[in-house]
Protein backbone atom coordinates (compact mmCIF):
# COMPACT_ATOMS: atom_id res chain seq x y z
CA MET A 1 -20.97 106.27 25.21
CA LEU A 2 -22.26 103.87 22.56
CA ARG A 3 -25.49 101.93 22.69
CA LYS A 4 -25.06 98.19 22.97
CA SER A 5 -28.24 97.49 21.03
CA PHE A 6 -26.34 97.70 17.73
CA GLN A 7 -28.07 94.91 15.84
CA PHE A 8 -31.55 96.10 16.72
CA SER A 9 -30.80 99.72 15.88
CA ALA A 10 -29.21 98.78 12.57
CA ILE A 11 -32.12 96.53 11.59
CA TYR A 12 -34.67 99.09 12.76
CA PHE A 13 -33.05 101.86 10.75
CA ARG A 14 -32.53 99.68 7.70
CA ASN A 15 -36.04 98.21 7.56
CA TYR A 16 -38.16 100.98 9.02
CA GLY A 17 -36.03 104.07 9.14
CA ARG A 18 -34.80 104.07 5.54
CA SER A 19 -38.32 104.18 4.16
CA SER A 20 -39.80 106.53 6.74
CA PHE A 21 -37.02 108.83 7.90
CA ILE A 22 -35.48 109.74 4.57
CA ARG A 23 -38.90 110.90 3.38
CA ALA A 24 -39.18 113.32 6.26
CA LYS A 25 -40.38 116.72 5.03
CA SER A 26 -39.35 118.69 8.06
CA GLU A 27 -38.27 122.20 7.17
CA THR A 28 -36.35 122.21 10.42
CA LEU A 29 -34.22 119.29 9.26
CA ASP A 30 -33.54 120.96 5.92
CA LYS A 31 -31.96 123.85 7.82
CA VAL A 32 -29.18 121.48 8.83
CA LEU A 33 -27.69 121.77 5.35
CA VAL A 34 -27.88 125.54 4.99
CA ASP A 35 -26.82 126.86 8.38
CA LYS A 36 -23.15 127.17 9.26
CA PRO A 37 -22.18 124.30 11.58
CA ASN A 38 -21.03 126.59 14.40
CA LYS A 39 -24.39 128.39 14.36
CA ILE A 40 -26.63 125.33 14.44
CA LYS A 41 -28.67 125.08 17.65
CA TRP A 42 -28.90 121.32 17.87
CA ASP A 43 -31.08 121.29 21.01
CA THR A 44 -33.71 123.36 19.24
CA ILE A 45 -33.50 121.34 16.02
CA ARG A 46 -33.82 118.00 17.82
CA ASN A 47 -36.88 119.21 19.73
CA GLU A 48 -38.57 120.68 16.66
CA ILE A 49 -37.99 117.56 14.58
CA GLN A 50 -39.48 115.30 17.23
CA LEU A 51 -42.49 117.59 17.58
CA ASN A 52 -43.11 117.78 13.83
CA GLU A 53 -42.32 114.19 12.84
CA LYS A 54 -44.39 111.47 14.47
CA THR A 55 -42.00 108.70 13.41
CA VAL A 56 -38.97 110.40 14.98
CA ASN A 57 -37.96 109.83 18.58
CA GLU A 58 -34.89 109.76 20.83
CA PHE A 59 -33.99 106.34 19.49
CA ASN A 60 -33.80 107.17 15.78
CA ILE A 61 -33.20 110.91 15.54
CA ASP A 62 -29.40 110.56 15.31
CA SER A 63 -29.65 108.31 12.28
CA LEU A 64 -32.11 110.71 10.66
CA ILE A 65 -29.85 113.74 11.08
CA LEU A 66 -26.69 111.90 10.00
CA SER A 67 -28.52 110.48 6.99
CA LYS A 68 -29.44 114.01 6.01
CA CYS A 69 -25.79 115.02 6.37
CA PHE A 70 -24.71 112.00 4.32
CA ASN A 71 -27.13 112.70 1.48
CA GLY A 72 -25.93 116.29 1.38
CA ALA A 73 -22.27 115.29 1.77
CA GLN A 74 -21.98 117.64 4.75
CA LEU A 75 -19.16 116.24 6.88
CA ASP A 76 -18.68 119.47 8.82
CA VAL A 77 -22.35 119.48 9.85
CA ALA A 78 -22.18 115.80 10.85
CA LEU A 79 -19.10 116.43 13.00
CA SER A 80 -20.82 119.42 14.58
CA TYR A 81 -23.70 117.16 15.54
CA ILE A 82 -21.40 114.43 16.89
CA ASN A 83 -19.58 117.04 19.00
CA PHE A 84 -22.94 118.23 20.31
CA LEU A 85 -23.92 114.70 21.34
CA GLN A 86 -20.59 114.17 23.08
CA SER A 87 -20.81 117.52 24.87
CA LYS A 88 -24.22 116.50 26.23
CA SER A 89 -23.03 112.98 27.09
CA LEU A 90 -25.74 111.67 24.80
CA GLU A 91 -25.40 108.17 23.43
CA ILE A 92 -24.20 107.60 19.86
CA ASN A 93 -25.34 104.28 18.43
CA ASP A 94 -23.22 102.17 16.11
CA ALA A 95 -25.49 102.76 13.13
CA SER A 96 -24.75 106.48 13.43
CA VAL A 97 -21.01 105.90 13.77
CA SER A 98 -21.09 103.64 10.72
CA LYS A 99 -22.85 106.36 8.74
CA LEU A 100 -20.26 108.91 9.90
CA ILE A 101 -17.38 106.69 8.71
CA ARG A 102 -18.94 106.39 5.25
CA LEU A 103 -19.48 110.16 5.20
CA TYR A 104 -15.75 110.69 5.80
CA TYR A 105 -15.09 108.60 2.70
CA LYS A 106 -17.71 110.40 0.63
CA HIS A 107 -16.36 113.80 1.65
CA PHE A 108 -12.66 113.21 1.00
CA THR A 109 -13.10 111.30 -2.27
CA ALA A 110 -15.64 113.76 -3.68
CA LYS A 111 -13.59 116.84 -2.82
CA ARG A 112 -10.22 115.16 -3.50
CA GLU A 113 -8.92 116.79 -0.32
CA GLU A 114 -5.81 115.75 1.54
CA PHE A 115 -6.63 115.02 5.14
CA THR A 116 -4.53 115.58 8.20
CA LYS A 117 -3.04 113.06 10.58
CA SER A 118 -5.63 114.06 13.18
CA GLN A 119 -8.45 113.41 10.70
CA GLU A 120 -6.98 110.00 9.88
CA ASP A 121 -6.78 109.27 13.60
CA GLU A 122 -10.45 110.23 13.93
CA ILE A 123 -11.48 107.80 11.18
CA LEU A 124 -9.45 105.00 12.74
CA LYS A 125 -10.91 105.82 16.16
CA TRP A 126 -14.49 105.46 14.92
CA CYS A 127 -13.65 102.27 13.05
CA LYS A 128 -12.02 100.80 16.17
CA ILE A 129 -15.06 101.62 18.31
CA ILE A 130 -17.31 99.47 16.15
CA ILE A 131 -14.73 96.73 15.48
CA ASP A 132 -13.96 96.31 19.19
CA ARG A 133 -17.62 95.95 20.12
CA HIS A 134 -18.64 93.32 17.56
CA GLU A 135 -17.06 90.02 16.68
CA THR A 136 -18.93 89.91 13.38
CA LEU A 137 -20.26 92.91 11.50
CA ASP A 138 -23.34 93.02 9.32
CA ALA A 139 -22.67 93.61 5.61
CA SER A 140 -23.64 97.29 5.60
CA THR A 141 -21.41 98.17 8.56
CA ALA A 142 -18.52 96.09 7.18
CA GLU A 143 -18.79 97.96 3.87
CA ASN A 144 -18.58 101.28 5.69
CA ILE A 145 -15.55 100.09 7.66
CA VAL A 146 -13.84 99.09 4.40
CA HIS A 147 -14.49 102.52 2.92
CA GLY A 148 -13.20 104.24 6.04
CA LEU A 149 -10.02 102.16 6.25
CA SER A 150 -9.34 102.75 2.55
CA LEU A 151 -8.58 106.38 3.41
CA THR A 152 -5.86 105.46 5.90
CA HIS A 153 -2.42 103.86 6.11
CA ARG A 154 -4.17 100.77 7.51
CA TRP A 155 -6.08 100.17 4.28
CA LYS A 156 -4.90 96.54 4.04
CA ASP A 157 -6.85 95.78 7.24
CA ALA A 158 -9.97 96.20 5.12
CA PHE A 159 -9.51 92.73 3.62
CA LYS A 160 -10.65 91.20 6.95
CA TYR A 161 -14.03 92.82 6.45
CA PHE A 162 -14.41 91.46 2.93
CA ASP A 163 -15.02 88.16 4.73
CA HIS A 164 -17.67 89.72 7.00
CA ILE A 165 -19.56 90.89 3.92
CA LYS A 166 -19.28 87.49 2.24
CA MET A 167 -20.38 85.67 5.42
CA SER A 168 -23.60 87.67 5.38
CA GLY A 169 -24.39 86.18 1.98
CA LYS A 170 -23.86 89.45 0.16
CA GLU A 171 -21.52 89.83 -2.79
CA LEU A 172 -18.80 92.47 -2.67
CA SER A 173 -19.97 95.62 -4.44
CA ASP A 174 -18.12 97.57 -7.10
CA SER A 175 -17.72 100.36 -4.55
CA VAL A 176 -16.04 98.08 -1.98
CA TYR A 177 -13.62 96.67 -4.54
CA SER A 178 -12.93 100.05 -6.12
CA CYS A 179 -12.07 101.97 -2.94
CA ILE A 180 -9.37 99.40 -2.08
CA LEU A 181 -8.19 99.22 -5.69
CA SER A 182 -7.71 102.97 -5.64
CA LYS A 183 -5.55 102.77 -2.52
CA ALA A 184 -3.55 99.88 -3.99
CA ILE A 185 -2.87 101.95 -7.13
CA GLU A 186 -1.79 104.87 -4.96
CA ASN A 187 0.67 102.58 -3.17
CA ASP A 188 1.90 100.68 -6.27
CA SER A 189 0.69 97.38 -4.79
CA TYR A 190 0.52 95.60 -8.14
CA SER A 191 -0.10 92.07 -6.88
CA ILE A 192 -3.10 93.31 -4.87
CA ILE A 193 -4.36 95.35 -7.83
CA TRP A 194 -4.39 92.42 -10.23
CA ASP A 195 -5.64 89.92 -7.65
CA LEU A 196 -8.63 92.20 -7.05
CA LEU A 197 -9.20 92.89 -10.75
CA ASN A 198 -9.11 89.18 -11.55
CA GLU A 199 -11.50 88.43 -8.70
CA MET A 200 -13.85 91.12 -10.00
CA SER A 201 -13.65 89.58 -13.45
CA GLU A 202 -14.58 86.16 -12.07
CA ASN A 203 -17.50 87.67 -10.14
CA GLN A 204 -18.53 89.85 -13.09
CA VAL A 205 -18.15 93.08 -11.10
CA VAL A 206 -16.99 96.18 -13.00
CA PRO A 207 -14.61 98.68 -11.32
CA ARG A 208 -15.75 102.27 -10.93
CA SER A 209 -14.47 104.65 -13.62
CA TYR A 210 -12.21 106.51 -11.21
CA VAL A 211 -10.06 103.37 -10.82
CA PHE A 212 -9.22 103.30 -14.53
CA ILE A 213 -8.72 107.07 -14.66
CA GLN A 214 -6.39 106.96 -11.65
CA TRP A 215 -4.37 104.18 -13.31
CA PHE A 216 -4.04 106.11 -16.57
CA ASN A 217 -3.08 109.31 -14.76
CA LYS A 218 -0.38 107.49 -12.83
CA HIS A 219 1.04 105.41 -15.69
CA ILE A 220 0.45 107.62 -18.73
CA ASN A 221 4.18 107.57 -19.58
CA ASP A 222 4.31 103.77 -19.50
CA GLU A 223 2.64 102.49 -22.67
CA ASP A 224 2.76 98.87 -21.50
CA LYS A 225 0.87 99.66 -18.31
CA VAL A 226 -1.72 101.74 -20.17
CA ASN A 227 -2.23 98.88 -22.62
CA GLU A 228 -2.44 96.41 -19.75
CA MET A 229 -5.47 98.20 -18.32
CA LEU A 230 -7.04 98.81 -21.74
CA GLU A 231 -6.75 95.08 -22.40
CA TYR A 232 -8.50 94.38 -19.09
CA ILE A 233 -11.35 96.66 -20.19
CA SER A 234 -11.46 94.83 -23.52
CA ASP A 235 -11.22 91.29 -22.14
CA ASN A 236 -14.07 91.97 -19.73
CA HIS A 237 -16.30 93.65 -22.35
CA ILE A 238 -16.60 96.72 -20.13
CA LEU A 239 -18.82 99.57 -21.29
CA LEU A 240 -17.66 102.84 -19.76
CA PRO A 241 -20.17 105.49 -18.59
CA GLU A 242 -20.52 108.34 -21.07
CA ILE A 243 -20.62 110.86 -18.22
CA ASP A 244 -16.92 110.09 -17.58
CA ILE A 245 -15.68 110.25 -21.18
CA GLN A 246 -14.06 113.68 -20.74
CA ASN A 247 -12.20 112.47 -17.64
CA PHE A 248 -10.85 109.48 -19.58
CA SER A 249 -9.78 111.80 -22.38
CA ASP A 250 -8.07 114.20 -19.97
CA ALA A 251 -6.15 111.33 -18.36
CA LEU A 252 -4.94 109.98 -21.71
CA LYS A 253 -4.34 113.24 -23.59
CA PRO A 254 -0.73 113.75 -22.47
CA LYS A 255 0.32 110.79 -24.65
CA TYR A 256 -2.66 110.16 -26.93
CA THR A 257 -4.64 111.97 -29.57
CA CYS A 258 -8.19 111.55 -28.25
CA SER A 259 -11.19 111.90 -30.56
CA PHE A 260 -14.85 111.55 -29.59
CA VAL A 261 -16.54 109.67 -32.44
CA SER A 262 -19.78 107.95 -33.41
CA ILE A 263 -19.32 104.69 -35.28
CA ASN A 264 -22.18 103.53 -37.48
CA ARG A 265 -23.10 99.97 -38.36
CA ASN A 266 -20.44 99.69 -41.07
CA GLY A 267 -17.80 99.73 -38.33
CA ARG A 268 -15.46 102.37 -39.74
CA CYS A 269 -14.05 105.04 -37.40
CA PRO A 270 -14.51 108.52 -38.92
CA SER A 271 -11.39 109.80 -37.13
CA CYS A 272 -8.65 107.24 -37.86
CA LEU A 273 -10.56 105.60 -40.77
CA GLN A 274 -9.74 102.16 -39.37
CA LYS A 275 -12.24 99.35 -39.91
CA LEU A 276 -13.11 97.88 -36.53
CA PRO A 277 -12.31 94.15 -36.19
CA GLY A 278 -14.95 91.55 -36.94
CA VAL A 279 -16.66 89.54 -34.26
CA LYS A 280 -16.39 86.19 -36.04
CA LEU A 281 -16.19 83.18 -33.72
CA LEU A 282 -13.55 80.52 -34.28
CA GLU A 283 -14.89 77.06 -35.05
CA THR A 284 -13.14 75.70 -31.95
CA GLU A 285 -14.95 78.32 -29.84
CA PHE A 286 -18.28 77.39 -31.40
CA ASN A 287 -17.65 73.71 -30.70
CA LYS A 288 -16.95 74.49 -27.04
CA ILE A 289 -20.08 76.57 -26.58
CA ALA A 290 -22.24 74.05 -28.43
CA ALA A 291 -20.85 71.21 -26.34
CA GLN A 292 -21.48 73.04 -23.08
CA PHE A 293 -25.06 73.86 -24.05
CA LEU A 294 -25.92 70.52 -25.59
CA GLU A 295 -24.16 68.33 -23.02
CA ASP A 296 -24.58 70.35 -19.81
CA ILE A 297 -27.37 72.90 -19.93
CA PHE A 298 -29.88 71.01 -22.06
CA ILE A 299 -29.72 67.93 -19.84
CA ARG A 300 -30.36 69.84 -16.61
CA ASN A 301 -33.41 68.39 -14.90
CA ASP A 302 -35.21 71.72 -14.61
CA VAL A 303 -34.45 73.17 -18.06
CA TRP A 304 -37.17 71.20 -19.83
CA LEU A 305 -39.50 71.28 -16.82
CA LYS A 306 -42.47 72.63 -18.80
CA THR A 307 -41.88 70.34 -21.78
CA ASN A 308 -43.33 66.88 -22.35
CA PRO A 309 -40.52 64.26 -22.62
CA SER A 310 -42.14 62.74 -25.70
CA GLU A 311 -42.14 66.19 -27.33
CA ILE A 312 -38.43 66.58 -26.62
CA LYS A 313 -37.77 63.20 -28.22
CA ARG A 314 -39.90 64.10 -31.24
CA PHE A 315 -38.12 67.45 -31.61
CA LYS A 316 -34.61 65.96 -31.42
CA GLU A 317 -35.49 63.35 -34.03
CA PHE A 318 -36.97 66.09 -36.23
CA ILE A 319 -33.77 68.15 -35.99
CA ASP A 320 -31.53 65.18 -36.76
CA LYS A 321 -33.57 64.42 -39.90
CA THR A 322 -33.91 67.96 -41.26
CA LYS A 323 -30.73 69.84 -40.27
CA PRO A 324 -28.73 71.86 -41.21
CA TYR A 325 -30.59 75.17 -41.44
CA ASP A 326 -29.38 78.56 -42.52
CA SER A 327 -31.70 80.25 -40.00
CA VAL A 328 -33.88 79.26 -37.05
CA ILE A 329 -36.80 81.58 -36.22
CA ASP A 330 -38.64 81.91 -32.91
CA GLY A 331 -42.06 82.29 -34.53
CA LEU A 332 -44.07 83.52 -31.57
CA ASN A 333 -41.34 85.89 -30.39
CA VAL A 334 -41.19 87.44 -33.86
CA ALA A 335 -44.97 87.61 -34.25
CA TYR A 336 -45.42 89.35 -30.88
CA SER A 337 -42.80 92.00 -31.68
CA GLN A 338 -45.55 94.66 -31.73
CA GLY A 339 -47.18 93.47 -28.52
CA ASP A 340 -49.50 90.65 -27.50
CA LYS A 341 -52.82 92.50 -27.88
CA LEU A 342 -53.14 92.32 -31.67
CA SER A 343 -55.04 89.89 -33.86
CA PRO A 344 -53.78 86.54 -35.22
CA LYS A 345 -54.07 88.12 -38.68
CA VAL A 346 -51.41 90.70 -37.78
CA TYR A 347 -49.17 88.10 -36.12
CA SER A 348 -49.30 85.71 -39.06
CA LYS A 349 -48.49 88.53 -41.51
CA ILE A 350 -45.42 89.56 -39.50
CA LEU A 351 -44.19 85.96 -39.35
CA ALA A 352 -44.79 85.41 -43.08
CA GLN A 353 -42.83 88.57 -43.92
CA VAL A 354 -39.87 87.39 -41.86
CA VAL A 355 -39.91 83.99 -43.57
CA LYS A 356 -40.05 85.78 -46.95
CA TYR A 357 -36.94 87.77 -45.99
CA PHE A 358 -34.96 84.53 -45.70
CA VAL A 359 -36.65 82.93 -48.71
CA ASP A 360 -35.51 85.88 -50.82
CA LYS A 361 -31.97 85.14 -49.62
CA LYS A 362 -32.49 81.50 -50.70
CA GLU A 363 -31.97 80.25 -47.16
CA LYS A 364 -33.36 77.13 -45.54
CA CYS A 365 -35.41 78.12 -42.48
CA LEU A 366 -36.82 76.41 -39.44
CA VAL A 367 -39.71 78.15 -37.68
CA ILE A 368 -40.38 77.10 -34.09
CA GLY A 369 -43.85 78.03 -32.89
CA ARG A 370 -46.68 77.01 -30.58
CA LYS A 371 -49.55 74.67 -31.37
CA HIS A 372 -52.18 77.40 -31.11
CA MET A 373 -50.59 79.00 -34.18
CA LYS A 374 -52.29 76.27 -36.25
CA PHE A 375 -55.45 78.34 -35.92
CA TRP A 376 -53.92 81.51 -37.32
CA PRO A 377 -55.17 82.68 -40.77
CA LYS A 378 -54.66 79.95 -43.36
CA LYS A 379 -53.19 82.10 -46.14
CA GLU A 380 -50.19 83.36 -44.17
CA MET A 381 -49.59 80.10 -42.32
CA SER A 382 -49.72 78.16 -45.59
CA TYR A 383 -46.95 80.43 -46.90
CA VAL A 384 -44.91 79.72 -43.75
CA ARG A 385 -45.41 75.95 -44.10
CA GLU A 386 -44.55 75.92 -47.79
CA ASN A 387 -41.40 77.99 -47.45
CA SER A 388 -39.88 76.76 -44.20
CA MET A 389 -39.72 73.78 -41.89
CA LEU A 390 -42.28 74.32 -39.12
CA PHE A 391 -42.22 72.70 -35.69
CA LEU A 392 -45.03 73.56 -33.25
CA THR A 393 -44.47 72.90 -29.56
CA GLU A 394 -46.92 72.61 -26.69
CA ASP A 395 -48.20 76.01 -25.57
CA LEU A 396 -46.30 75.87 -22.25
CA SER A 397 -42.94 74.84 -23.73
CA ASN A 398 -39.80 76.97 -23.57
CA ASP A 399 -39.39 78.23 -27.15
CA ASP A 400 -35.91 79.71 -26.81
CA LEU A 401 -34.48 76.37 -25.67
CA PHE A 402 -35.80 74.73 -28.83
CA LEU A 403 -34.35 77.61 -30.84
CA LEU A 404 -30.88 77.31 -29.30
CA TYR A 405 -30.84 73.53 -29.55
CA ALA A 406 -31.75 73.61 -33.25
CA ALA A 407 -29.21 76.34 -34.08
CA LEU A 408 -26.30 74.81 -32.17
CA LYS A 409 -27.02 71.35 -33.57
CA SER A 410 -27.18 72.81 -37.06
CA GLY A 411 -23.63 74.16 -37.03
CA PRO A 412 -21.49 77.31 -36.79
CA LYS A 413 -23.02 79.05 -39.83
CA THR A 414 -26.64 78.94 -38.62
CA ASN A 415 -28.35 82.21 -37.68
CA ILE A 416 -31.16 82.74 -35.18
CA PHE A 417 -34.05 85.19 -35.28
CA SER A 418 -35.40 86.38 -31.93
CA ARG A 419 -35.68 89.50 -29.78
CA ASP A 420 -34.75 87.48 -26.68
CA LEU A 421 -31.20 88.05 -25.38
CA MET A 422 -31.23 84.56 -23.76
CA ARG A 423 -29.87 85.92 -20.49
CA GLN A 424 -31.64 83.24 -18.44
CA HIS A 425 -29.57 80.63 -20.27
CA SER A 426 -26.26 82.45 -20.73
CA HIS A 427 -26.01 83.13 -16.99
CA LEU A 428 -25.67 79.35 -16.48
CA LEU A 429 -22.33 79.50 -18.29
CA SER A 430 -18.95 80.33 -16.79
CA PRO A 431 -17.90 83.98 -17.24
CA LYS A 432 -15.45 82.97 -19.98
CA MET A 433 -17.99 80.87 -21.90
CA LYS A 434 -20.67 83.50 -21.41
CA LYS A 435 -18.50 85.92 -23.39
CA VAL A 436 -18.03 83.34 -26.15
CA PHE A 437 -21.78 82.69 -26.26
CA ARG A 438 -22.44 86.40 -26.40
CA ARG A 439 -20.09 86.79 -29.40
CA TRP A 440 -21.87 83.91 -31.13
CA GLN A 441 -25.18 85.70 -30.52
CA GLN A 442 -23.85 88.99 -31.83
CA GLU A 443 -22.58 87.33 -35.01
CA HIS A 444 -25.71 85.27 -35.67
CA GLN A 445 -28.76 86.83 -34.03
CA TYR A 446 -31.17 88.79 -36.22
CA HIS A 447 -33.70 91.18 -34.73
CA LEU A 448 -36.98 92.64 -35.88
CA ILE A 449 -37.85 96.31 -36.02
CA THR A 450 -41.54 96.93 -36.57
CA ALA A 451 -43.35 100.17 -37.22
CA GLN A 452 -47.10 100.21 -37.96
CA GLN A 453 -46.98 96.52 -38.90
CA LYS A 454 -44.14 97.08 -41.37
CA VAL A 455 -41.33 94.59 -40.92
CA ILE A 456 -37.69 95.71 -40.98
CA VAL A 457 -35.05 93.08 -40.34
CA ARG A 458 -32.03 94.28 -38.38
CA GLU A 459 -29.00 92.22 -39.31
CA PRO A 460 -26.24 91.55 -36.75
CA ILE A 461 -23.51 94.11 -36.12
CA THR A 462 -20.42 92.46 -37.53
CA PHE A 463 -17.69 94.26 -35.56
CA GLU A 464 -16.59 94.13 -31.94
CA LEU A 465 -18.69 96.29 -29.60
CA ARG A 466 -16.06 96.18 -26.86
CA ALA A 467 -12.79 98.08 -26.46
CA HIS A 468 -10.21 96.90 -28.97
CA ARG A 469 -6.96 97.81 -30.68
CA VAL A 470 -6.30 97.95 -34.43
CA ASN A 471 -2.81 98.88 -35.65
CA SER A 472 -1.89 100.48 -32.29
CA ILE A 473 -5.10 102.55 -32.24
CA TRP A 474 -7.56 101.88 -29.43
CA HIS A 475 -11.32 102.42 -29.53
CA LEU A 476 -13.18 102.59 -26.20
CA PRO A 477 -17.00 102.35 -26.15
CA PHE A 478 -19.08 104.55 -23.84
CA THR A 479 -22.77 104.40 -23.04
CA ASN A 480 -25.38 106.52 -21.28
CA GLU A 481 -27.45 103.40 -20.55
CA ASN A 482 -27.37 101.63 -17.20
CA ILE A 483 -25.33 98.79 -18.69
CA LYS A 484 -21.84 97.92 -17.47
CA ASN A 485 -20.64 95.49 -20.11
CA THR A 486 -21.33 94.53 -23.70
CA VAL A 487 -22.12 90.95 -22.68
CA ASP A 488 -25.55 92.21 -21.61
CA THR A 489 -26.53 94.10 -24.75
CA PHE A 490 -26.37 94.19 -28.54
CA ILE A 491 -26.87 97.96 -28.64
CA LEU A 492 -24.30 99.86 -30.69
CA PRO A 493 -22.58 102.24 -28.22
CA ALA A 494 -23.48 105.84 -29.03
CA CYS A 495 -20.03 107.26 -28.34
CA TRP A 496 -16.47 106.00 -28.73
CA LEU A 497 -13.06 107.37 -27.79
CA CYS A 498 -10.48 106.90 -30.55
CA LEU A 499 -6.98 106.80 -29.01
CA LYS A 500 -3.78 107.15 -31.01
CA ARG A 501 -0.43 107.19 -29.20
CA THR A 502 1.52 110.34 -30.03
């Protein structure tokens, strides 16, 4: 018998139970994961837990035990407990059933086990129990239903529950997409596969690694299909997790020579000796990104919220009179590269050294700073004034907007100097234009490396940091950082997979 108080129990467990129950230190509960399921005395364990844990009671103990089973991926223990509850005619709430469904998925995908018809029937039975009792499911339960159905022949029914997740205001997770993608690959449902992949691309969600690996394993003899997925990885600037690099290699080895390589800043692969392609933006692409920024983003009512309208007018007139520049420098961002607790003397020296770097290259520079910088040491600031154009904004103004405006107005050859990745502005762009903007940044953005007040200028990496093909040889980037695509970073990936078709 199932409790009808589903919503309350789910909210209670989510808001109170997750923080309190999972932290339970009960040695009795830990025994759940070490004893053999058929030897567990659930009556004794339930009583001991409730005696030892003040926050545990008849209402929440099922969720606690099943959470412990879930975290330990112990399906057999969870089923033993469910059988115990049923044998005692004890109630099983929907939150517990939902957790059990997700545990089925975790168990069978982790162990790669085939499951029997009776096990499939069990999964469908538990899904039906919850579905029949609730017209609309909360996002967490709907996600678990999707994962459960993805194991069965009724996997296409899962699409109904995509809508339940979306109605709750939550975006579909990479796990939700990936479990259905995996089943679609298994069943050669190509229209579903590419509809989902394109939707993920639009929503900037990256598939789990196992989806790509499954595709390569299945289609390794079809070069066109392998290239099709590699191109998807490339087009979406996907950075693959380094922990999975061996699995990718194993999937591709039957038809590819796979080499693990490090590629330095010169962009030459030490295995195939190919020079990786440059990142240079086409002039038409620059014009599109400049137009979108200058015509759409910069006229948004809230973009210049902290800036005086008269200052904006003065700045635009200044740019029109003095452009073009070779480089535009965010003065305060550069000066604070070693932290914001140092003296104006240190800041002014750092800024002057950066200006000198461009002066030595015979470049025309614009430095954008704040008005309080007028009071920095005269010697260094005089050098800055004499060797660059200097525009000082109000102290509350948004420096990076001034920087971007000046650079984009100045033309496709202008570089920028800042540590800021401009994410708060690039996210206003469409996914397609965000990638173009990111390539413009990579080609033109200089960074500062400082060590003990010594200035080292890091020039842009000139080759593609995403997956790409040169003369039929693919290079796939991998990272051990928590970054899923190269749009969000300028870091040179530590490891690459060089792939040559045999």
